[in-house]
Amino acid sequence: MYKYLFGPVPSRRLGMSLGVDLVPKKICSLDCVYCEVGKTTKLTLDRKEYIKLDKVKEELTNYFTNNPEPDYITFSGSGEPTLNIHIGEILQFIKQIKPNLPIAVLTNGTLFFDKNVRDAIKNANVVLPSLDAASKEVFNKINRPSNGLTIDKYIQGLIDFRKEFKGEIWLEIFLLPGYNDHENELIELKKAILRINPNSVQLNTLDRPGTLSNLRGATKKEMQRVVDFWNLDNLKIISAAPERKNIPAYRKDTEAVILETIVRRPCTLDDLTKILGLHVNEINKYLDVLDAEKKIESVVQERGIFYQTRKKYEI
């Protein structure tokens, strides 16, 4: 069992992806209202050695010695990976021992105003930053940033990174009805997208509850309205969660274990992580599918969001 690696997990965008988690849960530069990992416990822009460099290298060496190669190595996890000051060294370590294995970085992109961060991940193959707002008001409402982070600094960092980075940039925009879907914000977001000039723009929305109880995901009709409004050639809607089952990395036994656990008693995401010994991101992938297939439902209680099987569904 690895402490800093997880998966491989069935990723809709990256196939069979081995995750590398470089910060403890949940240290981030944002406290997004929709985050399915949960509320940010340490909101910061401070880059540190949150995870020991040698420990990550040891796990990667062990994994590659004993397992087949995944489709991607992905820097992601419980928080913002670029907050770890050693991300560049770990990326280079992987490139040295597995030069043909593509590396992806899932990041909110907020630290790209720092050239040290941009340089650290410049040798990745794909970078998947996010951008959910283009105005100060909406940025503060939906992303709840750390002190010192402004929307102008955020967007300019993405623009600067595009100028320097030779790989692919897939920009994800999370559509949240009532937050960033009004016309003025969509106009400003399109302006920002054109300035950033990513290879791909990927429109996503909420699958399950975030950190606030009054949120809902956008409908297909609402998503398509934004696609039509922006009229961008490189824009696409992220495929629905059930399609993840078609990915070779999707494990029916993992899905079964999650169902067998929550059919006995409702569990929070943290409960499932502790009980099953799986990473929070790995569990989230399967919860997305189970929720989309209406096999589970979420219930908000005092201790958080609990997942349980639907009454009409039996395993």
Protein backbone atom coordinates (compact mmCIF):
# COMPACT_ATOMS: atom_id res chain seq x y z
CA MET A 1 0.00 0.00 0.00
CA TYR A 2 1.43 3.34 -1.05
CA LYS A 3 1.07 6.55 0.93
CA TYR A 4 1.70 9.11 -1.83
CA LEU A 5 0.67 7.17 -4.95
CA PHE A 6 -2.88 6.10 -5.73
CA GLY A 7 -4.60 4.12 -8.41
CA PRO A 8 -4.31 3.61 -11.26
CA VAL A 9 -7.71 5.26 -11.42
CA PRO A 10 -10.13 5.39 -14.36
CA SER A 11 -9.86 8.96 -15.62
CA ARG A 12 -12.31 10.25 -18.23
CA ARG A 13 -9.57 12.37 -19.78
CA LEU A 14 -6.37 10.42 -19.14
CA GLY A 15 -7.34 6.75 -19.28
CA MET A 16 -5.48 4.62 -16.72
CA SER A 17 -3.85 7.25 -14.52
CA LEU A 18 -1.45 6.70 -11.62
CA GLY A 19 -1.87 9.59 -9.18
CA VAL A 20 0.94 11.28 -7.27
CA ASP A 21 -0.30 13.22 -4.24
CA LEU A 22 2.18 15.88 -3.08
CA VAL A 23 0.22 17.72 -0.37
CA PRO A 24 -1.79 16.51 2.64
CA LYS A 25 -5.58 16.78 2.60
CA LYS A 26 -6.71 19.51 2.15
CA ILE A 27 -4.04 22.16 1.61
CA CYS A 28 -4.95 24.44 -1.28
CA SER A 29 -4.80 27.99 -2.58
CA LEU A 30 -8.58 27.93 -3.13
CA ASP A 31 -11.58 26.81 -1.10
CA CYS A 32 -13.99 26.15 -3.98
CA VAL A 33 -17.64 25.80 -3.05
CA TYR A 34 -18.01 22.78 -5.36
CA CYS A 35 -14.96 20.76 -4.27
CA GLU A 36 -15.88 17.09 -3.89
CA VAL A 37 -12.75 16.42 -1.81
CA GLY A 38 -14.15 18.71 0.87
CA LYS A 39 -13.54 22.06 2.50
CA THR A 40 -9.99 23.41 2.45
CA THR A 41 -8.41 23.06 5.89
CA LYS A 42 -5.28 25.10 5.14
CA LEU A 43 -5.79 27.97 2.69
CA THR A 44 -2.38 29.17 1.56
CA LEU A 45 -0.04 30.32 -1.22
CA ASP A 46 3.06 29.16 0.68
CA ARG A 47 5.14 26.60 -1.19
CA LYS A 48 6.85 24.08 1.10
CA GLU A 49 8.09 20.50 1.28
CA TYR A 50 4.72 19.19 2.37
CA ILE A 51 5.74 15.64 1.43
CA LYS A 52 9.35 14.42 1.69
CA LEU A 53 11.02 14.20 -1.73
CA ASP A 54 12.86 10.94 -0.96
CA LYS A 55 9.67 9.20 0.20
CA VAL A 56 7.91 9.95 -3.09
CA LYS A 57 10.92 8.75 -5.10
CA GLU A 58 11.01 5.51 -3.12
CA GLU A 59 7.36 4.78 -3.83
CA LEU A 60 7.70 5.58 -7.53
CA THR A 61 10.75 3.31 -7.85
CA ASN A 62 8.90 0.49 -6.10
CA TYR A 63 5.80 0.95 -8.24
CA PHE A 64 7.66 0.88 -11.54
CA THR A 65 9.64 -2.19 -10.44
CA ASN A 66 6.54 -4.20 -9.62
CA ASN A 67 3.72 -2.93 -11.85
CA PRO A 68 2.91 -2.34 -15.54
CA GLU A 69 3.05 1.22 -16.81
CA PRO A 70 -0.16 3.28 -16.63
CA ASP A 71 -1.34 5.51 -19.48
CA TYR A 72 -0.33 8.62 -17.52
CA ILE A 73 1.38 9.71 -14.35
CA THR A 74 -0.81 12.45 -12.92
CA PHE A 75 0.12 15.01 -10.29
CA SER A 76 -3.16 15.57 -8.46
CA GLY A 77 -4.70 14.53 -5.18
CA SER A 78 -6.01 16.03 -1.97
CA GLY A 79 -4.93 19.63 -2.57
CA GLU A 80 -2.98 21.86 -4.95
CA PRO A 81 0.11 19.92 -6.17
CA THR A 82 2.16 22.98 -7.19
CA LEU A 83 2.27 24.04 -3.52
CA ASN A 84 4.90 21.33 -3.06
CA ILE A 85 8.25 22.98 -3.71
CA HIS A 86 9.72 19.71 -5.03
CA ILE A 87 7.18 19.04 -7.78
CA GLY A 88 9.72 19.88 -10.48
CA GLU A 89 12.32 17.49 -9.09
CA ILE A 90 9.81 14.66 -8.85
CA LEU A 91 8.65 15.31 -12.40
CA GLN A 92 12.24 15.16 -13.65
CA PHE A 93 12.86 11.98 -11.67
CA ILE A 94 9.97 10.28 -13.49
CA LYS A 95 11.23 11.56 -16.85
CA GLN A 96 14.66 10.07 -16.15
CA ILE A 97 13.46 6.57 -15.26
CA LYS A 98 10.44 6.48 -17.60
CA PRO A 99 11.19 8.92 -20.44
CA ASN A 100 8.32 7.72 -22.64
CA LEU A 101 5.62 7.83 -19.98
CA PRO A 102 3.47 10.96 -20.34
CA ILE A 103 3.00 13.18 -17.30
CA ALA A 104 -0.07 15.28 -16.60
CA VAL A 105 -0.48 17.98 -13.96
CA LEU A 106 -3.98 18.62 -12.61
CA THR A 107 -3.79 22.04 -11.03
CA ASN A 108 -6.00 25.01 -10.34
CA GLY A 109 -3.30 27.12 -12.02
CA THR A 110 -3.41 29.82 -9.35
CA LEU A 111 0.34 29.76 -8.69
CA PHE A 112 1.37 30.31 -12.30
CA PHE A 113 2.10 33.96 -11.52
CA ASP A 114 5.29 32.53 -9.94
CA LYS A 115 7.90 31.75 -12.61
CA ASN A 116 9.41 29.10 -10.34
CA VAL A 117 6.14 27.17 -10.55
CA ARG A 118 5.91 27.57 -14.31
CA ASP A 119 9.50 26.35 -14.71
CA ALA A 120 8.93 23.40 -12.37
CA ILE A 121 6.24 21.83 -14.57
CA LYS A 122 7.45 22.96 -17.99
CA ASN A 123 8.51 19.40 -18.92
CA ALA A 124 5.09 17.88 -18.32
CA ASN A 125 3.25 16.60 -21.39
CA VAL A 126 -0.20 17.91 -20.45
CA VAL A 127 -1.25 20.52 -17.92
CA LEU A 128 -4.90 20.75 -16.93
CA PRO A 129 -5.52 24.04 -15.11
CA SER A 130 -8.92 25.37 -14.14
CA LEU A 131 -10.62 28.74 -14.45
CA ASP A 132 -14.16 29.25 -13.17
CA ALA A 133 -14.45 33.04 -13.14
CA ALA A 134 -13.10 36.15 -14.80
CA SER A 135 -14.42 38.83 -12.44
CA LYS A 136 -13.38 39.59 -8.88
CA GLU A 137 -16.89 39.15 -7.51
CA VAL A 138 -17.52 35.71 -9.00
CA PHE A 139 -13.96 34.52 -8.30
CA ASN A 140 -14.33 35.34 -4.62
CA LYS A 141 -17.78 33.77 -4.47
CA ILE A 142 -17.07 30.48 -6.22
CA ASN A 143 -13.36 29.87 -5.54
CA ARG A 144 -12.82 31.67 -2.20
CA PRO A 145 -9.09 32.31 -2.76
CA SER A 146 -6.23 32.65 -0.31
CA ASN A 147 -5.25 36.17 0.72
CA GLY A 148 -3.07 37.88 -1.88
CA LEU A 149 -4.49 36.00 -4.86
CA THR A 150 -6.45 38.15 -7.31
CA ILE A 151 -8.28 37.13 -10.45
CA ASP A 152 -6.04 39.38 -12.57
CA LYS A 153 -2.90 37.72 -11.18
CA TYR A 154 -4.47 34.30 -11.74
CA ILE A 155 -5.39 34.91 -15.38
CA GLN A 156 -2.08 36.59 -16.20
CA GLY A 157 -0.24 33.58 -14.78
CA LEU A 158 -2.16 31.29 -17.14
CA ILE A 159 -1.35 33.58 -20.08
CA ASP A 160 2.36 33.63 -19.19
CA PHE A 161 2.41 29.85 -18.83
CA ARG A 162 0.87 29.40 -22.27
CA LYS A 163 3.67 31.51 -23.79
CA GLU A 164 6.37 29.36 -22.19
CA PHE A 165 4.89 25.85 -22.14
CA LYS A 166 5.48 23.59 -25.15
CA GLY A 167 3.01 20.85 -24.21
CA GLU A 168 -0.78 20.66 -24.26
CA ILE A 169 -2.96 22.86 -22.04
CA TRP A 170 -6.48 21.61 -21.36
CA LEU A 171 -8.35 24.37 -19.56
CA GLU A 172 -11.25 23.16 -17.42
CA ILE A 173 -14.14 25.47 -16.61
CA PHE A 174 -16.60 24.36 -13.97
CA LEU A 175 -20.11 25.61 -14.68
CA LEU A 176 -22.16 26.25 -11.57
CA PRO A 177 -25.71 27.59 -12.05
CA GLY A 178 -26.31 30.77 -10.09
CA TYR A 179 -22.60 31.48 -9.77
CA ASN A 180 -20.82 31.84 -13.11
CA ASP A 181 -23.48 31.23 -15.77
CA HIS A 182 -24.87 34.75 -16.23
CA GLU A 183 -24.17 36.55 -19.48
CA ASN A 184 -21.69 39.16 -18.23
CA GLU A 185 -19.50 36.53 -16.59
CA LEU A 186 -19.64 34.27 -19.65
CA ILE A 187 -18.53 37.18 -21.83
CA GLU A 188 -15.57 37.90 -19.53
CA LEU A 189 -14.67 34.22 -19.33
CA LYS A 190 -14.57 33.94 -23.10
CA LYS A 191 -12.25 36.95 -23.26
CA ALA A 192 -9.95 35.24 -20.74
CA ILE A 193 -10.04 31.95 -22.67
CA LEU A 194 -9.01 33.69 -25.88
CA ARG A 195 -6.12 35.43 -24.09
CA ILE A 196 -4.92 32.18 -22.50
CA ASN A 197 -5.27 30.30 -25.81
CA PRO A 198 -5.39 26.70 -24.47
CA ASN A 199 -5.34 23.69 -26.76
CA SER A 200 -8.66 22.53 -25.35
CA VAL A 201 -11.44 24.04 -23.24
CA GLN A 202 -13.33 21.47 -21.21
CA LEU A 203 -16.67 22.38 -19.68
CA ASN A 204 -17.53 20.45 -16.53
CA THR A 205 -20.13 20.62 -13.78
CA LEU A 206 -21.02 19.16 -10.40
CA ASP A 207 -21.65 15.41 -10.17
CA ARG A 208 -22.20 15.23 -6.41
CA PRO A 209 -22.51 17.62 -3.45
CA GLY A 210 -19.79 20.20 -2.89
CA THR A 211 -19.02 22.06 0.33
CA LEU A 212 -22.30 24.04 0.29
CA SER A 213 -25.73 22.47 0.44
CA ASN A 214 -27.50 24.71 -2.10
CA LEU A 215 -25.41 23.77 -5.14
CA ARG A 216 -26.53 21.82 -8.18
CA GLY A 217 -24.89 20.69 -11.36
CA ALA A 218 -25.76 22.27 -14.69
CA THR A 219 -28.18 20.37 -16.90
CA LYS A 220 -27.24 19.23 -20.40
CA LYS A 221 -29.36 22.06 -21.77
CA GLU A 222 -27.56 24.64 -19.62
CA MET A 223 -24.17 23.26 -20.62
CA GLN A 224 -25.09 23.34 -24.30
CA ARG A 225 -26.29 26.95 -23.96
CA VAL A 226 -22.78 27.95 -22.83
CA VAL A 227 -21.19 25.97 -25.67
CA ASP A 228 -23.40 27.76 -28.18
CA PHE A 229 -22.84 31.14 -26.53
CA TRP A 230 -19.04 30.86 -26.62
CA ASN A 231 -18.87 29.23 -30.07
CA LEU A 232 -15.28 28.06 -29.63
CA ASP A 233 -13.82 25.40 -31.92
CA ASN A 234 -11.77 23.80 -29.14
CA LEU A 235 -14.58 23.63 -26.56
CA LYS A 236 -16.17 20.38 -25.45
CA ILE A 237 -18.35 19.12 -22.63
CA ILE A 238 -16.68 16.57 -20.36
CA SER A 239 -18.29 13.17 -20.94
CA ALA A 240 -20.73 11.77 -18.42
CA ALA A 241 -19.42 9.75 -15.47
CA PRO A 242 -20.89 6.36 -16.54
CA GLU A 243 -18.63 6.37 -19.61
CA ARG A 244 -15.73 5.94 -17.19
CA LYS A 245 -16.75 2.28 -16.97
CA ASN A 246 -15.47 1.77 -20.51
CA ILE A 247 -11.92 2.66 -19.44
CA PRO A 248 -9.72 -0.45 -18.90
CA ALA A 249 -8.63 0.86 -15.48
CA TYR A 250 -12.19 0.78 -14.13
CA ARG A 251 -12.36 -1.97 -11.53
CA LYS A 252 -15.69 -3.63 -10.84
CA ASP A 253 -14.27 -5.11 -7.64
CA THR A 254 -13.51 -1.62 -6.29
CA GLU A 255 -17.03 -0.50 -7.12
CA ALA A 256 -18.41 -3.59 -5.37
CA VAL A 257 -16.35 -2.99 -2.21
CA ILE A 258 -17.61 0.60 -1.96
CA LEU A 259 -21.22 -0.55 -2.39
CA GLU A 260 -20.81 -3.38 0.11
CA THR A 261 -19.43 -0.90 2.64
CA ILE A 262 -22.13 1.74 2.42
CA VAL A 263 -25.00 -0.75 2.21
CA ARG A 264 -24.12 -1.71 5.78
CA ARG A 265 -23.93 1.87 7.05
CA PRO A 266 -23.82 5.30 5.40
CA CYS A 267 -20.30 6.73 5.15
CA THR A 268 -18.68 10.07 4.48
CA LEU A 269 -15.89 10.36 1.94
CA ASP A 270 -13.38 10.44 4.82
CA ASP A 271 -14.99 7.32 6.32
CA LEU A 272 -14.58 5.42 3.06
CA THR A 273 -10.96 6.54 2.75
CA LYS A 274 -10.14 5.20 6.22
CA ILE A 275 -12.18 1.99 5.94
CA LEU A 276 -11.07 0.96 2.45
CA GLY A 277 -7.54 2.34 2.48
CA LEU A 278 -8.12 4.02 -0.88
CA HIS A 279 -7.19 7.56 -1.83
CA VAL A 280 -9.96 10.16 -1.74
CA ASN A 281 -9.58 10.84 -5.48
CA GLU A 282 -9.87 7.16 -6.30
CA ILE A 283 -13.06 6.78 -4.26
CA ASN A 284 -14.49 9.93 -5.87
CA LYS A 285 -14.15 8.41 -9.35
CA TYR A 286 -16.36 5.48 -8.37
CA LEU A 287 -18.85 7.58 -6.39
CA ASP A 288 -19.38 9.70 -9.51
CA VAL A 289 -20.36 6.61 -11.49
CA LEU A 290 -22.52 5.11 -8.75
CA ASP A 291 -24.35 8.38 -8.25
CA ALA A 292 -24.92 8.86 -12.00
CA GLU A 293 -26.33 5.33 -12.18
CA LYS A 294 -28.61 6.15 -9.22
CA LYS A 295 -27.22 3.32 -7.12
CA ILE A 296 -26.30 5.68 -4.27
CA GLU A 297 -27.57 8.93 -2.82
CA SER A 298 -26.11 11.60 -0.56
CA VAL A 299 -27.57 12.82 2.72
CA VAL A 300 -26.36 15.96 4.50
CA GLN A 301 -25.91 15.45 8.24
CA GLU A 302 -24.13 17.32 11.02
CA ARG A 303 -20.83 15.48 10.45
CA GLY A 304 -20.91 16.08 6.70
CA ILE A 305 -22.19 14.46 3.51
CA PHE A 306 -22.98 10.76 3.89
CA TYR A 307 -23.36 8.29 1.03
CA GLN A 308 -25.82 5.43 1.18
CA THR A 309 -27.38 3.02 -1.27
CA ARG A 310 -30.75 4.03 -2.68
CA LYS A 311 -33.63 2.13 -1.12
CA LYS A 312 -34.71 0.62 -4.42
CA TYR A 313 -31.21 -0.60 -5.19
CA GLU A 314 -29.83 -3.84 -3.73
CA ILE A 315 -26.36 -5.24 -4.29
